[in-house]
Amino acid sequence: TAYKNLGFDIKDYPNAYDMYRCEISLPLHTLL
């Protein structure tokens, strides 16, 4: 919302959206 309100539109950043749409971060820490 904050950046939409500044005039940014995800349609102008197709590669960023493509990376995001199917990204998952799995647990990664030293207590595992």
PDB file of all heavy atoms in Angstrom:
ATOM      1  N   THR A   1       0.807  -1.223   0.000  1.00  0.00           N
ATOM      2  CA  THR A   1       0.000   0.000   0.000  1.00  0.00           C
ATOM      3  C   THR A   1       0.839   1.271   0.000  1.00  0.00           C
ATOM      4  O   THR A   1       0.562   2.211  -0.758  1.00  0.00           O
ATOM      5  CB  THR A   1      -0.944   0.003   1.219  1.00  0.00           C
ATOM      6  OG1 THR A   1      -1.791  -1.150   1.134  1.00  0.00           O
ATOM      7  CG2 THR A   1      -1.791   1.257   1.260  1.00  0.00           C
ATOM      8  N   ALA A   2       1.864   1.294   0.837  1.00  0.00           N
ATOM      9  CA  ALA A   2       2.691   2.507   0.957  1.00  0.00           C
ATOM     10  C   ALA A   2       3.272   2.924  -0.387  1.00  0.00           C
ATOM     11  O   ALA A   2       3.318   4.122  -0.716  1.00  0.00           O
ATOM     12  CB  ALA A   2       3.814   2.282   1.965  1.00  0.00           C
ATOM     13  N   TYR A   3       3.715   1.951  -1.162  1.00  0.00           N
ATOM     14  CA  TYR A   3       4.377   2.268  -2.429  1.00  0.00           C
ATOM     15  C   TYR A   3       3.380   2.402  -3.575  1.00  0.00           C
ATOM     16  O   TYR A   3       3.632   3.148  -4.528  1.00  0.00           O
ATOM     17  CB  TYR A   3       5.483   1.241  -2.693  1.00  0.00           C
ATOM     18  CG  TYR A   3       6.511   1.314  -1.590  1.00  0.00           C
ATOM     19  CD1 TYR A   3       6.491   0.394  -0.538  1.00  0.00           C
ATOM     20  CD2 TYR A   3       7.427   2.361  -1.528  1.00  0.00           C
ATOM     21  CE1 TYR A   3       7.388   0.504   0.518  1.00  0.00           C
ATOM     22  CE2 TYR A   3       8.318   2.481  -0.484  1.00  0.00           C
ATOM     23  CZ  TYR A   3       8.298   1.551   0.548  1.00  0.00           C
ATOM     24  OH  TYR A   3       9.167   1.677   1.602  1.00  0.00           O
ATOM     25  N   LYS A   4       2.236   1.730  -3.475  1.00  0.00           N
ATOM     26  CA  LYS A   4       1.147   2.002  -4.425  1.00  0.00           C
ATOM     27  C   LYS A   4       0.749   3.469  -4.306  1.00  0.00           C
ATOM     28  O   LYS A   4       0.513   4.152  -5.307  1.00  0.00           O
ATOM     29  CB  LYS A   4      -0.065   1.115  -4.128  1.00  0.00           C
ATOM     30  CG  LYS A   4       0.087  -0.343  -4.488  1.00  0.00           C
ATOM     31  CD  LYS A   4      -1.204  -1.081  -4.131  1.00  0.00           C
ATOM     32  CE  LYS A   4      -1.093  -2.565  -4.323  1.00  0.00           C
ATOM     33  NZ  LYS A   4      -2.323  -3.271  -3.883  1.00  0.00           N
ATOM     34  N   ASN A   5       0.676   3.941  -3.057  1.00  0.00           N
ATOM     35  CA  ASN A   5       0.288   5.342  -2.819  1.00  0.00           C
ATOM     36  C   ASN A   5       1.319   6.331  -3.345  1.00  0.00           C
ATOM     37  O   ASN A   5       1.000   7.504  -3.570  1.00  0.00           O
ATOM     38  CB  ASN A   5       0.046   5.585  -1.330  1.00  0.00           C
ATOM     39  CG  ASN A   5      -1.206   4.886  -0.822  1.00  0.00           C
ATOM     40  OD1 ASN A   5      -2.071   4.477  -1.607  1.00  0.00           O
ATOM     41  ND2 ASN A   5      -1.326   4.737   0.492  1.00  0.00           N
ATOM     42  N   LEU A   6       2.544   5.868  -3.547  1.00  0.00           N
ATOM     43  CA  LEU A   6       3.588   6.725  -4.135  1.00  0.00           C
ATOM     44  C   LEU A   6       3.598   6.626  -5.660  1.00  0.00           C
ATOM     45  O   LEU A   6       4.426   7.260  -6.322  1.00  0.00           O
ATOM     46  CB  LEU A   6       4.963   6.342  -3.579  1.00  0.00           C
ATOM     47  CG  LEU A   6       5.225   6.680  -2.107  1.00  0.00           C
ATOM     48  CD1 LEU A   6       6.586   6.141  -1.675  1.00  0.00           C
ATOM     49  CD2 LEU A   6       5.143   8.183  -1.857  1.00  0.00           C
ATOM     50  N   GLY A   7       2.691   5.804  -6.208  1.00  0.00           N
ATOM     51  CA  GLY A   7       2.548   5.726  -7.653  1.00  0.00           C
ATOM     52  C   GLY A   7       3.190   4.520  -8.316  1.00  0.00           C
ATOM     53  O   GLY A   7       3.195   4.418  -9.546  1.00  0.00           O
ATOM     54  N   PHE A   8       3.729   3.584  -7.524  1.00  0.00           N
ATOM     55  CA  PHE A   8       4.359   2.401  -8.102  1.00  0.00           C
ATOM     56  C   PHE A   8       3.302   1.343  -8.434  1.00  0.00           C
ATOM     57  O   PHE A   8       2.315   1.191  -7.710  1.00  0.00           O
ATOM     58  CB  PHE A   8       5.403   1.822  -7.147  1.00  0.00           C
ATOM     59  CG  PHE A   8       6.578   2.741  -6.928  1.00  0.00           C
ATOM     60  CD1 PHE A   8       6.666   3.520  -5.772  1.00  0.00           C
ATOM     61  CD2 PHE A   8       7.583   2.841  -7.876  1.00  0.00           C
ATOM     62  CE1 PHE A   8       7.737   4.373  -5.576  1.00  0.00           C
ATOM     63  CE2 PHE A   8       8.662   3.692  -7.690  1.00  0.00           C
ATOM     64  CZ  PHE A   8       8.738   4.465  -6.539  1.00  0.00           C
ATOM     65  N   ASP A   9       3.538   0.605  -9.512  1.00  0.00           N
ATOM     66  CA  ASP A   9       2.594  -0.407  -9.986  1.00  0.00           C
ATOM     67  C   ASP A   9       3.380  -1.673 -10.336  1.00  0.00           C
ATOM     68  O   ASP A   9       4.346  -1.616 -11.112  1.00  0.00           O
ATOM     69  CB  ASP A   9       1.858   0.113 -11.227  1.00  0.00           C
ATOM     70  CG  ASP A   9       0.716  -0.800 -11.677  1.00  0.00           C
ATOM     71  OD1 ASP A   9       0.779  -2.017 -11.422  1.00  0.00           O
ATOM     72  OD2 ASP A   9      -0.223  -0.284 -12.321  1.00  0.00           O
ATOM     73  N   ILE A  10       2.983  -2.799  -9.783  1.00  0.00           N
ATOM     74  CA  ILE A  10       3.713  -4.053  -9.999  1.00  0.00           C
ATOM     75  C   ILE A  10       3.758  -4.429 -11.482  1.00  0.00           C
ATOM     76  O   ILE A  10       4.678  -5.143 -11.919  1.00  0.00           O
ATOM     77  CB  ILE A  10       3.108  -5.192  -9.144  1.00  0.00           C
ATOM     78  CG1 ILE A  10       4.033  -6.427  -9.148  1.00  0.00           C
ATOM     79  CG2 ILE A  10       1.720  -5.544  -9.611  1.00  0.00           C
ATOM     80  CD1 ILE A  10       5.415  -6.189  -8.604  1.00  0.00           C
ATOM     81  N   LYS A  11       2.827  -3.956 -12.275  1.00  0.00           N
ATOM     82  CA  LYS A  11       2.838  -4.259 -13.713  1.00  0.00           C
ATOM     83  C   LYS A  11       4.111  -3.748 -14.387  1.00  0.00           C
ATOM     84  O   LYS A  11       4.519  -4.256 -15.439  1.00  0.00           O
ATOM     85  CB  LYS A  11       1.616  -3.645 -14.395  1.00  0.00           C
ATOM     86  CG  LYS A  11       0.304  -4.319 -14.008  1.00  0.00           C
ATOM     87  CD  LYS A  11      -0.875  -3.606 -14.633  1.00  0.00           C
ATOM     88  CE  LYS A  11      -2.198  -4.222 -14.158  1.00  0.00           C
ATOM     89  NZ  LYS A  11      -3.362  -3.436 -14.650  1.00  0.00           N
ATOM     90  N   ASP A  12       4.742  -2.752 -13.773  1.00  0.00           N
ATOM     91  CA  ASP A  12       5.983  -2.201 -14.327  1.00  0.00           C
ATOM     92  C   ASP A  12       7.210  -3.024 -13.930  1.00  0.00           C
ATOM     93  O   ASP A  12       8.324  -2.712 -14.369  1.00  0.00           O
ATOM     94  CB  ASP A  12       6.172  -0.753 -13.869  1.00  0.00           C
ATOM     95  CG  ASP A  12       5.061   0.160 -14.376  1.00  0.00           C
ATOM     96  OD1 ASP A  12       4.592  -0.068 -15.514  1.00  0.00           O
ATOM     97  OD2 ASP A  12       4.653   1.074 -13.626  1.00  0.00           O
ATOM     98  N   TYR A  13       7.007  -4.046 -13.089  1.00  0.00           N
ATOM     99  CA  TYR A  13       8.123  -4.852 -12.581  1.00  0.00           C
ATOM    100  C   TYR A  13       7.786  -6.337 -12.740  1.00  0.00           C
ATOM    101  O   TYR A  13       7.682  -7.078 -11.757  1.00  0.00           O
ATOM    102  CB  TYR A  13       8.406  -4.488 -11.116  1.00  0.00           C
ATOM    103  CG  TYR A  13       8.599  -2.997 -10.933  1.00  0.00           C
ATOM    104  CD1 TYR A  13       7.511  -2.171 -10.607  1.00  0.00           C
ATOM    105  CD2 TYR A  13       9.836  -2.404 -11.148  1.00  0.00           C
ATOM    106  CE1 TYR A  13       7.669  -0.795 -10.485  1.00  0.00           C
ATOM    107  CE2 TYR A  13       9.998  -1.026 -11.029  1.00  0.00           C
ATOM    108  CZ  TYR A  13       8.911  -0.233 -10.703  1.00  0.00           C
ATOM    109  OH  TYR A  13       9.074   1.121 -10.595  1.00  0.00           O
ATOM    110  N   PRO A  14       7.610  -6.787 -13.986  1.00  0.00           N
ATOM    111  CA  PRO A  14       7.147  -8.161 -14.230  1.00  0.00           C
ATOM    112  C   PRO A  14       8.100  -9.237 -13.721  1.00  0.00           C
ATOM    113  O   PRO A  14       7.658 -10.300 -13.269  1.00  0.00           O
ATOM    114  CB  PRO A  14       6.998  -8.220 -15.755  1.00  0.00           C
ATOM    115  CG  PRO A  14       7.895  -7.134 -16.275  1.00  0.00           C
ATOM    116  CD  PRO A  14       7.836  -6.047 -15.244  1.00  0.00           C
ATOM    117  N   ASN A  15       9.404  -8.978 -13.776  1.00  0.00           N
ATOM    118  CA  ASN A  15      10.363  -9.989 -13.330  1.00  0.00           C
ATOM    119  C   ASN A  15      10.304 -10.166 -11.812  1.00  0.00           C
ATOM    120  O   ASN A  15      10.407 -11.289 -11.297  1.00  0.00           O
ATOM    121  CB  ASN A  15      11.778  -9.616 -13.760  1.00  0.00           C
ATOM    122  CG  ASN A  15      11.941  -9.619 -15.271  1.00  0.00           C
ATOM    123  OD1 ASN A  15      11.176 -10.262 -15.981  1.00  0.00           O
ATOM    124  ND2 ASN A  15      12.934  -8.891 -15.770  1.00  0.00           N
ATOM    125  N   ALA A  16      10.150  -9.057 -11.094  1.00  0.00           N
ATOM    126  CA  ALA A  16      10.019  -9.134  -9.636  1.00  0.00           C
ATOM    127  C   ALA A  16       8.775  -9.934  -9.265  1.00  0.00           C
ATOM    128  O   ALA A  16       8.811 -10.792  -8.370  1.00  0.00           O
ATOM    129  CB  ALA A  16       9.951  -7.734  -9.031  1.00  0.00           C
ATOM    130  N   TYR A  17       7.672  -9.667  -9.954  1.00  0.00           N
ATOM    131  CA  TYR A  17       6.438 -10.413  -9.656  1.00  0.00           C
ATOM    132  C   TYR A  17       6.621 -11.892  -9.956  1.00  0.00           C
ATOM    133  O   TYR A  17       6.175 -12.758  -9.180  1.00  0.00           O
ATOM    134  CB  TYR A  17       5.243  -9.873 -10.435  1.00  0.00           C
ATOM    135  CG  TYR A  17       3.988 -10.655 -10.104  1.00  0.00           C
ATOM    136  CD1 TYR A  17       3.292 -10.401  -8.922  1.00  0.00           C
ATOM    137  CD2 TYR A  17       3.548 -11.677 -10.934  1.00  0.00           C
ATOM    138  CE1 TYR A  17       2.176 -11.152  -8.579  1.00  0.00           C
ATOM    139  CE2 TYR A  17       2.439 -12.434 -10.603  1.00  0.00           C
ATOM    140  CZ  TYR A  17       1.751 -12.169  -9.429  1.00  0.00           C
ATOM    141  OH  TYR A  17       0.652 -12.930  -9.071  1.00  0.00           O
ATOM    142  N   ASP A  18       7.296 -12.207 -11.057  1.00  0.00           N
ATOM    143  CA  ASP A  18       7.478 -13.608 -11.439  1.00  0.00           C
ATOM    144  C   ASP A  18       8.323 -14.352 -10.405  1.00  0.00           C
ATOM    145  O   ASP A  18       8.065 -15.525 -10.115  1.00  0.00           O
ATOM    146  CB  ASP A  18       8.127 -13.703 -12.821  1.00  0.00           C
ATOM    147  CG  ASP A  18       8.147 -15.130 -13.334  1.00  0.00           C
ATOM    148  OD1 ASP A  18       7.063 -15.752 -13.395  1.00  0.00           O
ATOM    149  OD2 ASP A  18       9.236 -15.632 -13.665  1.00  0.00           O
ATOM    150  N   MET A  19       9.330 -13.690  -9.844  1.00  0.00           N
ATOM    151  CA  MET A  19      10.136 -14.325  -8.791  1.00  0.00           C
ATOM    152  C   MET A  19       9.295 -14.554  -7.542  1.00  0.00           C
ATOM    153  O   MET A  19       9.373 -15.600  -6.897  1.00  0.00           O
ATOM    154  CB  MET A  19      11.358 -13.460  -8.451  1.00  0.00           C
ATOM    155  CG  MET A  19      12.370 -13.297  -9.575  1.00  0.00           C
ATOM    156  SD  MET A  19      13.034 -14.857 -10.207  1.00  0.00           S
ATOM    157  CE  MET A  19      14.057 -15.373  -8.834  1.00  0.00           C
ATOM    158  N   TYR A  20       8.476 -13.577  -7.224  1.00  0.00           N
ATOM    159  CA  TYR A  20       7.665 -13.620  -5.998  1.00  0.00           C
ATOM    160  C   TYR A  20       6.548 -14.651  -6.042  1.00  0.00           C
ATOM    161  O   TYR A  20       6.286 -15.338  -5.049  1.00  0.00           O
ATOM    162  CB  TYR A  20       7.076 -12.223  -5.752  1.00  0.00           C
ATOM    163  CG  TYR A  20       5.794 -12.209  -4.953  1.00  0.00           C
ATOM    164  CD1 TYR A  20       5.817 -12.373  -3.569  1.00  0.00           C
ATOM    165  CD2 TYR A  20       4.552 -12.046  -5.580  1.00  0.00           C
ATOM    166  CE1 TYR A  20       4.631 -12.369  -2.831  1.00  0.00           C
ATOM    167  CE2 TYR A  20       3.381 -12.037  -4.857  1.00  0.00           C
ATOM    168  CZ  TYR A  20       3.422 -12.208  -3.476  1.00  0.00           C
ATOM    169  OH  TYR A  20       2.261 -12.212  -2.755  1.00  0.00           O
ATOM    170  N   ARG A  21       5.878 -14.797  -7.186  1.00  0.00           N
ATOM    171  CA  ARG A  21       4.617 -15.557  -7.246  1.00  0.00           C
ATOM    172  C   ARG A  21       4.777 -17.005  -6.792  1.00  0.00           C
ATOM    173  O   ARG A  21       3.840 -17.598  -6.250  1.00  0.00           O
ATOM    174  CB  ARG A  21       4.038 -15.527  -8.662  1.00  0.00           C
ATOM    175  CG  ARG A  21       4.847 -16.314  -9.672  1.00  0.00           C
ATOM    176  CD  ARG A  21       4.217 -16.466 -11.029  1.00  0.00           C
ATOM    177  NE  ARG A  21       5.186 -17.019 -11.970  1.00  0.00           N
ATOM    178  CZ  ARG A  21       5.435 -18.328 -12.095  1.00  0.00           C
ATOM    179  NH1 ARG A  21       4.770 -19.212 -11.365  1.00  0.00           N
ATOM    180  NH2 ARG A  21       6.348 -18.746 -12.956  1.00  0.00           N
ATOM    181  N   CYS A  22       5.978 -17.579  -6.978  1.00  0.00           N
ATOM    182  CA  CYS A  22       6.159 -19.004  -6.639  1.00  0.00           C
ATOM    183  C   CYS A  22       7.311 -19.224  -5.665  1.00  0.00           C
ATOM    184  O   CYS A  22       7.830 -20.328  -5.547  1.00  0.00           O
ATOM    185  CB  CYS A  22       6.367 -19.817  -7.916  1.00  0.00           C
ATOM    186  SG  CYS A  22       7.813 -19.327  -8.887  1.00  0.00           S
ATOM    187  N   GLU A  23       7.715 -18.156  -4.945  1.00  0.00           N
ATOM    188  CA  GLU A  23       8.830 -18.266  -3.994  1.00  0.00           C
ATOM    189  C   GLU A  23       8.337 -18.735  -2.630  1.00  0.00           C
ATOM    190  O   GLU A  23       7.317 -18.268  -2.122  1.00  0.00           O
ATOM    191  CB  GLU A  23       9.544 -16.918  -3.849  1.00  0.00           C
ATOM    192  CG  GLU A  23      10.873 -16.991  -3.090  1.00  0.00           C
ATOM    193  CD  GLU A  23      10.742 -16.978  -1.573  1.00  0.00           C
ATOM    194  OE1 GLU A  23       9.824 -16.300  -1.060  1.00  0.00           O
ATOM    195  OE2 GLU A  23      11.547 -17.644  -0.898  1.00  0.00           O
ATOM    196  N   ILE A  24       9.089 -19.655  -2.022  1.00  0.00           N
ATOM    197  CA  ILE A  24       8.831 -20.124  -0.661  1.00  0.00           C
ATOM    198  C   ILE A  24      10.162 -20.132   0.081  1.00  0.00           C
ATOM    199  O   ILE A  24      11.175 -20.598  -0.444  1.00  0.00           O
ATOM    200  CB  ILE A  24       8.224 -21.543  -0.643  1.00  0.00           C
ATOM    201  CG1 ILE A  24       6.882 -21.577  -1.385  1.00  0.00           C
ATOM    202  CG2 ILE A  24       8.057 -22.050   0.791  1.00  0.00           C
ATOM    203  CD1 ILE A  24       6.317 -22.977  -1.586  1.00  0.00           C
ATOM    204  N   SER A  25      10.163 -19.612   1.306  1.00  0.00           N
ATOM    205  CA  SER A  25      11.355 -19.660   2.157  1.00  0.00           C
ATOM    206  C   SER A  25      11.154 -20.761   3.195  1.00  0.00           C
ATOM    207  O   SER A  25      10.211 -20.703   3.987  1.00  0.00           O
ATOM    208  CB  SER A  25      11.579 -18.318   2.853  1.00  0.00           C
ATOM    209  OG  SER A  25      11.700 -17.278   1.903  1.00  0.00           O
ATOM    210  N   LEU A  26      12.031 -21.752   3.156  1.00  0.00           N
ATOM    211  CA  LEU A  26      11.957 -22.870   4.095  1.00  0.00           C
ATOM    212  C   LEU A  26      12.738 -22.536   5.365  1.00  0.00           C
ATOM    213  O   LEU A  26      13.647 -21.701   5.343  1.00  0.00           O
ATOM    214  CB  LEU A  26      12.538 -24.126   3.453  1.00  0.00           C
ATOM    215  CG  LEU A  26      11.833 -24.631   2.184  1.00  0.00           C
ATOM    216  CD1 LEU A  26      12.563 -25.850   1.618  1.00  0.00           C
ATOM    217  CD2 LEU A  26      10.374 -24.969   2.462  1.00  0.00           C
ATOM    218  N   PRO A  27      12.413 -23.179   6.486  1.00  0.00           N
ATOM    219  CA  PRO A  27      13.153 -22.911   7.730  1.00  0.00           C
ATOM    220  C   PRO A  27      14.648 -23.152   7.549  1.00  0.00           C
ATOM    221  O   PRO A  27      15.061 -24.178   6.994  1.00  0.00           O
ATOM    222  CB  PRO A  27      12.554 -23.914   8.721  1.00  0.00           C
ATOM    223  CG  PRO A  27      11.196 -24.230   8.181  1.00  0.00           C
ATOM    224  CD  PRO A  27      11.345 -24.174   6.686  1.00  0.00           C
ATOM    225  N   LEU A  28      15.440 -22.197   7.968  1.00  0.00           N
ATOM    226  CA  LEU A  28      16.896 -22.311   7.905  1.00  0.00           C
ATOM    227  C   LEU A  28      17.482 -21.577   9.112  1.00  0.00           C
ATOM    228  O   LEU A  28      17.531 -20.351   9.136  1.00  0.00           O
ATOM    229  CB  LEU A  28      17.432 -21.712   6.596  1.00  0.00           C
ATOM    230  CG  LEU A  28      18.960 -21.627   6.446  1.00  0.00           C
ATOM    231  CD1 LEU A  28      19.621 -22.980   6.664  1.00  0.00           C
ATOM    232  CD2 LEU A  28      19.341 -21.065   5.075  1.00  0.00           C
ATOM    233  N   HIS A  29      17.863 -22.354  10.107  1.00  0.00           N
ATOM    234  CA  HIS A  29      18.471 -21.767  11.306  1.00  0.00           C
ATOM    235  C   HIS A  29      19.279 -22.832  12.029  1.00  0.00           C
ATOM    236  O   HIS A  29      19.155 -24.036  11.750  1.00  0.00           O
ATOM    237  CB  HIS A  29      17.406 -21.147  12.230  1.00  0.00           C
ATOM    238  CG  HIS A  29      16.315 -22.094  12.631  1.00  0.00           C
ATOM    239  ND1 HIS A  29      16.446 -22.997  13.661  1.00  0.00           N
ATOM    240  CD2 HIS A  29      15.066 -22.273  12.133  1.00  0.00           C
ATOM    241  CE1 HIS A  29      15.327 -23.686  13.796  1.00  0.00           C
ATOM    242  NE2 HIS A  29      14.464 -23.282  12.876  1.00  0.00           N
ATOM    243  N   THR A  30      20.112 -22.398  12.974  1.00  0.00           N
ATOM    244  CA  THR A  30      21.088 -23.296  13.583  1.00  0.00           C
ATOM    245  C   THR A  30      20.547 -24.078  14.779  1.00  0.00           C
ATOM    246  O   THR A  30      21.299 -24.814  15.420  1.00  0.00           O
ATOM    247  CB  THR A  30      22.353 -22.508  13.984  1.00  0.00           C
ATOM    248  OG1 THR A  30      21.965 -21.294  14.636  1.00  0.00           O
ATOM    249  CG2 THR A  30      23.166 -22.155  12.758  1.00  0.00           C
ATOM    250  N   LEU A  31      19.249 -23.973  15.058  1.00  0.00           N
ATOM    251  CA  LEU A  31      18.634 -24.836  16.069  1.00  0.00           C
ATOM    252  C   LEU A  31      18.016 -26.082  15.430  1.00  0.00           C
ATOM    253  O   LEU A  31      17.507 -26.951  16.129  1.00  0.00           O
ATOM    254  CB  LEU A  31      17.563 -24.064  16.856  1.00  0.00           C
ATOM    255  CG  LEU A  31      18.067 -22.870  17.669  1.00  0.00           C
ATOM    256  CD1 LEU A  31      16.930 -22.239  18.466  1.00  0.00           C
ATOM    257  CD2 LEU A  31      19.199 -23.271  18.612  1.00  0.00           C
ATOM    258  N   LEU A  32      18.051 -26.151  14.094  1.00  0.00           N
ATOM    259  CA  LEU A  32      17.535 -27.330  13.389  1.00  0.00           C
ATOM    260  C   LEU A  32      18.524 -28.489  13.524  1.00  0.00           C
ATOM    261  O   LEU A  32      19.719 -28.340  13.259  1.00  0.00           O
ATOM    262  CB  LEU A  32      17.344 -27.021  11.906  1.00  0.00           C
ATOM    263  CG  LEU A  32      16.217 -26.063  11.513  1.00  0.00           C
ATOM    264  CD1 LEU A  32      16.368 -25.673  10.038  1.00  0.00           C
ATOM    265  CD2 LEU A  32      14.853 -26.677  11.775  1.00  0.00           C
TER     266      LEU A  32
END
